[in-house]
Amino acid sequence: MRKGVLEYCILSVLSGGDAYPSNIINRLKEARMMVVEGTLYPLLMRQKNAGLLAYRWEESTQGPPRKYYSITEEGLRFLAEMDAAWQELVDSVNHLRHHQIIKQNQS
């Protein structure tokens, strides 16, 4: 489940614009999701191979060229599907929690 959530979060981050892997990690950490490069890179490669992401090399003034990732049209469609699935999951959990709280209050 964690892998799926991370893949969702990566697509969400990239839906806001192209990013370098360390930028992606920083955005995830800002959201209190602890991710290391060893976890991120395989997910980026998997999403690229699935056609959800693309990348480009950009020269850097502070070292070697950097690989910037972007979300593809297919990635945006997949993200929209994941948004809907996420909302269904949240609604289901909230429904269960709401009924559990009512049961507890009736006891």
N, C-alpha and C. Protein backbone atom coordinates (compact mmCIF):
# COMPACT_ATOMS: atom_id res chain seq x y z
N MET A 1 0.82 -1.19 0.00
CA MET A 1 0.00 0.00 0.00
C MET A 1 0.86 1.26 0.00
N ARG A 2 1.96 1.22 0.78
CA ARG A 2 2.84 2.40 0.86
C ARG A 2 3.40 2.75 -0.50
N LYS A 3 3.81 1.74 -1.28
CA LYS A 3 4.37 1.98 -2.61
C LYS A 3 3.34 2.69 -3.48
N GLY A 4 2.11 2.22 -3.45
CA GLY A 4 1.06 2.83 -4.25
C GLY A 4 0.80 4.27 -3.84
N VAL A 5 0.84 4.54 -2.55
CA VAL A 5 0.64 5.90 -2.07
C VAL A 5 1.81 6.78 -2.52
N LEU A 6 3.03 6.26 -2.44
CA LEU A 6 4.19 7.04 -2.89
C LEU A 6 4.10 7.33 -4.39
N GLU A 7 3.69 6.35 -5.18
CA GLU A 7 3.55 6.58 -6.61
C GLU A 7 2.52 7.66 -6.88
N TYR A 8 1.43 7.63 -6.14
CA TYR A 8 0.39 8.64 -6.24
C TYR A 8 0.97 10.02 -5.88
N CYS A 9 1.72 10.08 -4.80
CA CYS A 9 2.30 11.35 -4.35
C CYS A 9 3.32 11.89 -5.35
N ILE A 10 4.11 11.01 -5.95
CA ILE A 10 5.08 11.45 -6.96
C ILE A 10 4.35 12.09 -8.13
N LEU A 11 3.31 11.43 -8.62
CA LEU A 11 2.54 12.00 -9.72
C LEU A 11 1.91 13.33 -9.31
N SER A 12 1.44 13.40 -8.08
CA SER A 12 0.84 14.65 -7.59
C SER A 12 1.87 15.77 -7.58
N VAL A 13 3.07 15.49 -7.08
CA VAL A 13 4.13 16.50 -7.06
C VAL A 13 4.43 16.96 -8.48
N LEU A 14 4.60 16.01 -9.40
CA LEU A 14 4.98 16.37 -10.76
C LEU A 14 3.85 17.01 -11.56
N SER A 15 2.62 16.86 -11.09
CA SER A 15 1.51 17.53 -11.78
C SER A 15 1.63 19.05 -11.62
N GLY A 16 2.42 19.48 -10.64
CA GLY A 16 2.65 20.91 -10.43
C GLY A 16 3.82 21.46 -11.21
N GLY A 17 4.54 20.62 -11.92
CA GLY A 17 5.68 21.07 -12.72
C GLY A 17 6.84 20.10 -12.64
N ASP A 18 7.76 20.25 -13.56
CA ASP A 18 8.94 19.39 -13.62
C ASP A 18 9.75 19.51 -12.34
N ALA A 19 10.43 18.42 -11.99
CA ALA A 19 11.22 18.45 -10.76
C ALA A 19 12.40 17.49 -10.84
N TYR A 20 13.45 17.87 -10.17
CA TYR A 20 14.65 17.07 -9.98
C TYR A 20 14.37 16.13 -8.80
N PRO A 21 14.91 14.91 -8.79
CA PRO A 21 14.59 13.97 -7.70
C PRO A 21 14.75 14.53 -6.29
N SER A 22 15.79 15.32 -6.04
CA SER A 22 15.93 15.86 -4.68
C SER A 22 14.81 16.85 -4.38
N ASN A 23 14.29 17.55 -5.39
CA ASN A 23 13.13 18.43 -5.18
C ASN A 23 11.91 17.60 -4.81
N ILE A 24 11.74 16.46 -5.48
CA ILE A 24 10.60 15.57 -5.19
C ILE A 24 10.69 15.08 -3.75
N ILE A 25 11.88 14.64 -3.35
CA ILE A 25 12.09 14.16 -1.98
C ILE A 25 11.77 15.27 -0.98
N ASN A 26 12.24 16.49 -1.26
CA ASN A 26 11.96 17.61 -0.35
C ASN A 26 10.47 17.88 -0.23
N ARG A 27 9.75 17.84 -1.35
CA ARG A 27 8.30 18.07 -1.32
C ARG A 27 7.60 16.98 -0.51
N LEU A 28 8.05 15.73 -0.67
CA LEU A 28 7.46 14.64 0.10
C LEU A 28 7.77 14.79 1.58
N LYS A 29 8.99 15.21 1.90
CA LYS A 29 9.35 15.42 3.31
C LYS A 29 8.55 16.56 3.91
N GLU A 30 8.27 17.61 3.13
CA GLU A 30 7.43 18.71 3.61
C GLU A 30 6.05 18.20 4.01
N ALA A 31 5.61 17.15 3.33
CA ALA A 31 4.31 16.53 3.65
C ALA A 31 4.45 15.45 4.72
N ARG A 32 5.61 15.39 5.34
CA ARG A 32 5.92 14.42 6.40
C ARG A 32 5.94 12.98 5.91
N MET A 33 6.31 12.79 4.66
CA MET A 33 6.50 11.45 4.10
C MET A 33 8.01 11.25 3.96
N MET A 34 8.55 10.35 4.73
CA MET A 34 9.98 10.13 4.71
C MET A 34 10.34 9.17 3.57
N VAL A 35 11.07 9.69 2.61
CA VAL A 35 11.46 8.92 1.44
C VAL A 35 12.93 9.18 1.18
N VAL A 36 13.66 8.15 0.84
CA VAL A 36 15.08 8.29 0.51
C VAL A 36 15.26 8.01 -0.98
N GLU A 37 16.41 8.42 -1.51
CA GLU A 37 16.67 8.25 -2.94
C GLU A 37 16.57 6.79 -3.36
N GLY A 38 17.02 5.88 -2.49
CA GLY A 38 16.97 4.45 -2.81
C GLY A 38 15.56 3.94 -3.02
N THR A 39 14.59 4.62 -2.45
CA THR A 39 13.18 4.28 -2.64
C THR A 39 12.61 5.02 -3.84
N LEU A 40 13.00 6.28 -4.00
CA LEU A 40 12.43 7.12 -5.05
C LEU A 40 12.82 6.68 -6.45
N TYR A 41 14.11 6.43 -6.67
CA TYR A 41 14.57 6.15 -8.03
C TYR A 41 13.90 4.94 -8.69
N PRO A 42 13.74 3.82 -7.99
CA PRO A 42 13.02 2.70 -8.62
C PRO A 42 11.58 3.05 -8.98
N LEU A 43 10.91 3.85 -8.15
CA LEU A 43 9.54 4.26 -8.44
C LEU A 43 9.49 5.18 -9.66
N LEU A 44 10.44 6.11 -9.74
CA LEU A 44 10.51 6.99 -10.92
C LEU A 44 10.74 6.17 -12.19
N MET A 45 11.63 5.20 -12.12
CA MET A 45 11.93 4.37 -13.29
C MET A 45 10.70 3.55 -13.69
N ARG A 46 10.01 2.99 -12.71
CA ARG A 46 8.81 2.20 -12.99
C ARG A 46 7.75 3.08 -13.66
N GLN A 47 7.56 4.27 -13.14
CA GLN A 47 6.56 5.17 -13.72
C GLN A 47 6.98 5.65 -15.12
N LYS A 48 8.27 5.87 -15.32
CA LYS A 48 8.75 6.25 -16.65
C LYS A 48 8.51 5.11 -17.63
N ASN A 49 8.85 3.89 -17.23
CA ASN A 49 8.66 2.73 -18.11
C ASN A 49 7.19 2.47 -18.41
N ALA A 50 6.31 2.88 -17.52
CA ALA A 50 4.86 2.72 -17.73
C ALA A 50 4.28 3.86 -18.57
N GLY A 51 5.12 4.82 -18.94
CA GLY A 51 4.66 5.93 -19.76
C GLY A 51 4.00 7.06 -18.98
N LEU A 52 4.11 7.01 -17.65
CA LEU A 52 3.48 8.03 -16.82
C LEU A 52 4.36 9.26 -16.63
N LEU A 53 5.67 9.07 -16.77
CA LEU A 53 6.64 10.14 -16.61
C LEU A 53 7.59 10.18 -17.80
N ALA A 54 8.18 11.34 -17.99
CA ALA A 54 9.26 11.52 -18.96
C ALA A 54 10.36 12.28 -18.22
N TYR A 55 11.55 12.34 -18.82
CA TYR A 55 12.60 13.14 -18.20
C TYR A 55 13.43 13.81 -19.27
N ARG A 56 14.15 14.82 -18.83
CA ARG A 56 15.09 15.52 -19.71
C ARG A 56 16.33 15.85 -18.88
N TRP A 57 17.45 15.95 -19.56
CA TRP A 57 18.69 16.34 -18.91
C TRP A 57 18.85 17.84 -19.03
N GLU A 58 19.29 18.46 -17.94
CA GLU A 58 19.51 19.90 -17.94
C GLU A 58 20.88 20.18 -17.33
N GLU A 59 21.65 21.04 -17.99
CA GLU A 59 22.97 21.40 -17.47
C GLU A 59 22.83 22.10 -16.13
N SER A 60 23.79 21.86 -15.26
CA SER A 60 23.79 22.46 -13.93
C SER A 60 25.06 23.28 -13.76
N THR A 61 24.93 24.43 -13.12
CA THR A 61 26.11 25.24 -12.84
C THR A 61 26.88 24.70 -11.64
N GLN A 62 26.27 23.75 -10.92
CA GLN A 62 26.87 23.22 -9.70
C GLN A 62 27.18 21.73 -9.82
N GLY A 63 27.69 21.30 -10.95
CA GLY A 63 28.04 19.90 -11.09
C GLY A 63 27.55 19.31 -12.40
N PRO A 64 27.35 18.00 -12.39
CA PRO A 64 26.94 17.31 -13.63
C PRO A 64 25.51 17.67 -14.03
N PRO A 65 25.13 17.35 -15.26
CA PRO A 65 23.75 17.61 -15.69
C PRO A 65 22.76 16.90 -14.77
N ARG A 66 21.57 17.48 -14.66
CA ARG A 66 20.54 16.94 -13.79
C ARG A 66 19.39 16.40 -14.63
N LYS A 67 18.80 15.33 -14.12
CA LYS A 67 17.65 14.72 -14.78
C LYS A 67 16.38 15.28 -14.14
N TYR A 68 15.58 15.97 -14.94
CA TYR A 68 14.31 16.52 -14.47
C TYR A 68 13.16 15.67 -14.99
N TYR A 69 12.25 15.31 -14.10
CA TYR A 69 11.10 14.48 -14.45
C TYR A 69 9.88 15.35 -14.68
N SER A 70 9.02 14.90 -15.58
CA SER A 70 7.74 15.56 -15.84
C SER A 70 6.67 14.49 -16.01
N ILE A 71 5.44 14.88 -15.75
CA ILE A 71 4.32 13.97 -15.90
C ILE A 71 3.84 14.04 -17.36
N THR A 72 3.50 12.90 -17.91
CA THR A 72 3.00 12.84 -19.28
C THR A 72 1.48 12.98 -19.30
N GLU A 73 0.91 13.07 -20.50
CA GLU A 73 -0.55 13.10 -20.61
C GLU A 73 -1.15 11.82 -20.03
N GLU A 74 -0.50 10.69 -20.32
CA GLU A 74 -0.96 9.42 -19.76
C GLU A 74 -0.86 9.44 -18.24
N GLY A 75 0.20 10.06 -17.72
CA GLY A 75 0.37 10.19 -16.28
C GLY A 75 -0.72 11.05 -15.66
N LEU A 76 -1.12 12.11 -16.35
CA LEU A 76 -2.21 12.96 -15.85
C LEU A 76 -3.53 12.20 -15.82
N ARG A 77 -3.78 11.39 -16.85
CA ARG A 77 -5.01 10.58 -16.85
C ARG A 77 -4.99 9.58 -15.69
N PHE A 78 -3.83 8.93 -15.51
CA PHE A 78 -3.69 7.95 -14.43
C PHE A 78 -3.84 8.63 -13.07
N LEU A 79 -3.29 9.83 -12.93
CA LEU A 79 -3.41 10.59 -11.68
C LEU A 79 -4.88 10.89 -11.40
N ALA A 80 -5.64 11.25 -12.42
CA ALA A 80 -7.07 11.52 -12.23
C ALA A 80 -7.79 10.26 -11.75
N GLU A 81 -7.42 9.11 -12.29
CA GLU A 81 -8.01 7.84 -11.83
C GLU A 81 -7.63 7.57 -10.38
N MET A 82 -6.37 7.85 -10.04
CA MET A 82 -5.91 7.64 -8.67
C MET A 82 -6.60 8.62 -7.71
N ASP A 83 -6.84 9.85 -8.16
CA ASP A 83 -7.56 10.82 -7.33
C ASP A 83 -8.94 10.27 -6.98
N ALA A 84 -9.64 9.72 -7.99
CA ALA A 84 -10.98 9.18 -7.75
C ALA A 84 -10.91 7.98 -6.81
N ALA A 85 -9.95 7.09 -7.02
CA ALA A 85 -9.81 5.92 -6.16
C ALA A 85 -9.46 6.33 -4.73
N TRP A 86 -8.60 7.34 -4.59
CA TRP A 86 -8.22 7.83 -3.27
C TRP A 86 -9.45 8.39 -2.55
N GLN A 87 -10.25 9.17 -3.26
CA GLN A 87 -11.44 9.76 -2.65
C GLN A 87 -12.43 8.68 -2.21
N GLU A 88 -12.57 7.63 -3.03
CA GLU A 88 -13.44 6.51 -2.64
C GLU A 88 -12.93 5.85 -1.37
N LEU A 89 -11.63 5.65 -1.29
CA LEU A 89 -11.03 5.04 -0.11
C LEU A 89 -11.25 5.91 1.13
N VAL A 90 -11.00 7.20 1.00
CA VAL A 90 -11.21 8.12 2.12
C VAL A 90 -12.67 8.10 2.56
N ASP A 91 -13.59 8.14 1.59
CA ASP A 91 -15.01 8.11 1.92
C ASP A 91 -15.39 6.82 2.64
N SER A 92 -14.86 5.69 2.18
CA SER A 92 -15.15 4.40 2.81
C SER A 92 -14.64 4.35 4.24
N VAL A 93 -13.41 4.79 4.44
CA VAL A 93 -12.83 4.78 5.79
C VAL A 93 -13.61 5.73 6.70
N ASN A 94 -13.93 6.91 6.19
CA ASN A 94 -14.71 7.86 6.99
C ASN A 94 -16.08 7.28 7.36
N HIS A 95 -16.69 6.59 6.43
CA HIS A 95 -17.99 5.96 6.69
C HIS A 95 -17.85 4.93 7.82
N LEU A 96 -16.85 4.08 7.72
CA LEU A 96 -16.63 3.07 8.77
C LEU A 96 -16.33 3.72 10.11
N ARG A 97 -15.49 4.73 10.11
CA ARG A 97 -15.14 5.41 11.36
C ARG A 97 -16.36 6.09 11.96
N HIS A 98 -17.16 6.73 11.13
CA HIS A 98 -18.36 7.42 11.61
C HIS A 98 -19.31 6.43 12.29
N HIS A 99 -19.52 5.28 11.67
CA HIS A 99 -20.42 4.28 12.26
C HIS A 99 -19.83 3.68 13.53
N GLN A 100 -18.53 3.54 13.59
CA GLN A 100 -17.88 3.02 14.80
C GLN A 100 -18.03 4.01 15.94
N ILE A 101 -17.88 5.28 15.66
CA ILE A 101 -18.04 6.32 16.70
C ILE A 101 -19.47 6.34 17.21
N ILE A 102 -20.44 6.22 16.31
CA ILE A 102 -21.85 6.19 16.73
C ILE A 102 -22.10 4.99 17.63
N LYS A 103 -21.57 3.82 17.24
CA LYS A 103 -21.73 2.61 18.06
C LYS A 103 -21.14 2.81 19.45
N GLN A 104 -19.95 3.40 19.53
CA GLN A 104 -19.30 3.62 20.81
C GLN A 104 -20.11 4.57 21.67
N ASN A 105 -20.67 5.58 21.06
CA ASN A 105 -21.46 6.57 21.82
C ASN A 105 -22.78 5.98 22.32
N GLN A 106 -23.28 4.97 21.63
CA GLN A 106 -24.53 4.33 22.03
C GLN A 106 -24.31 3.33 23.15
N SER A 107 -23.09 2.94 23.36
CA SER A 107 -22.79 1.94 24.41
C SER A 107 -22.78 2.54 25.78
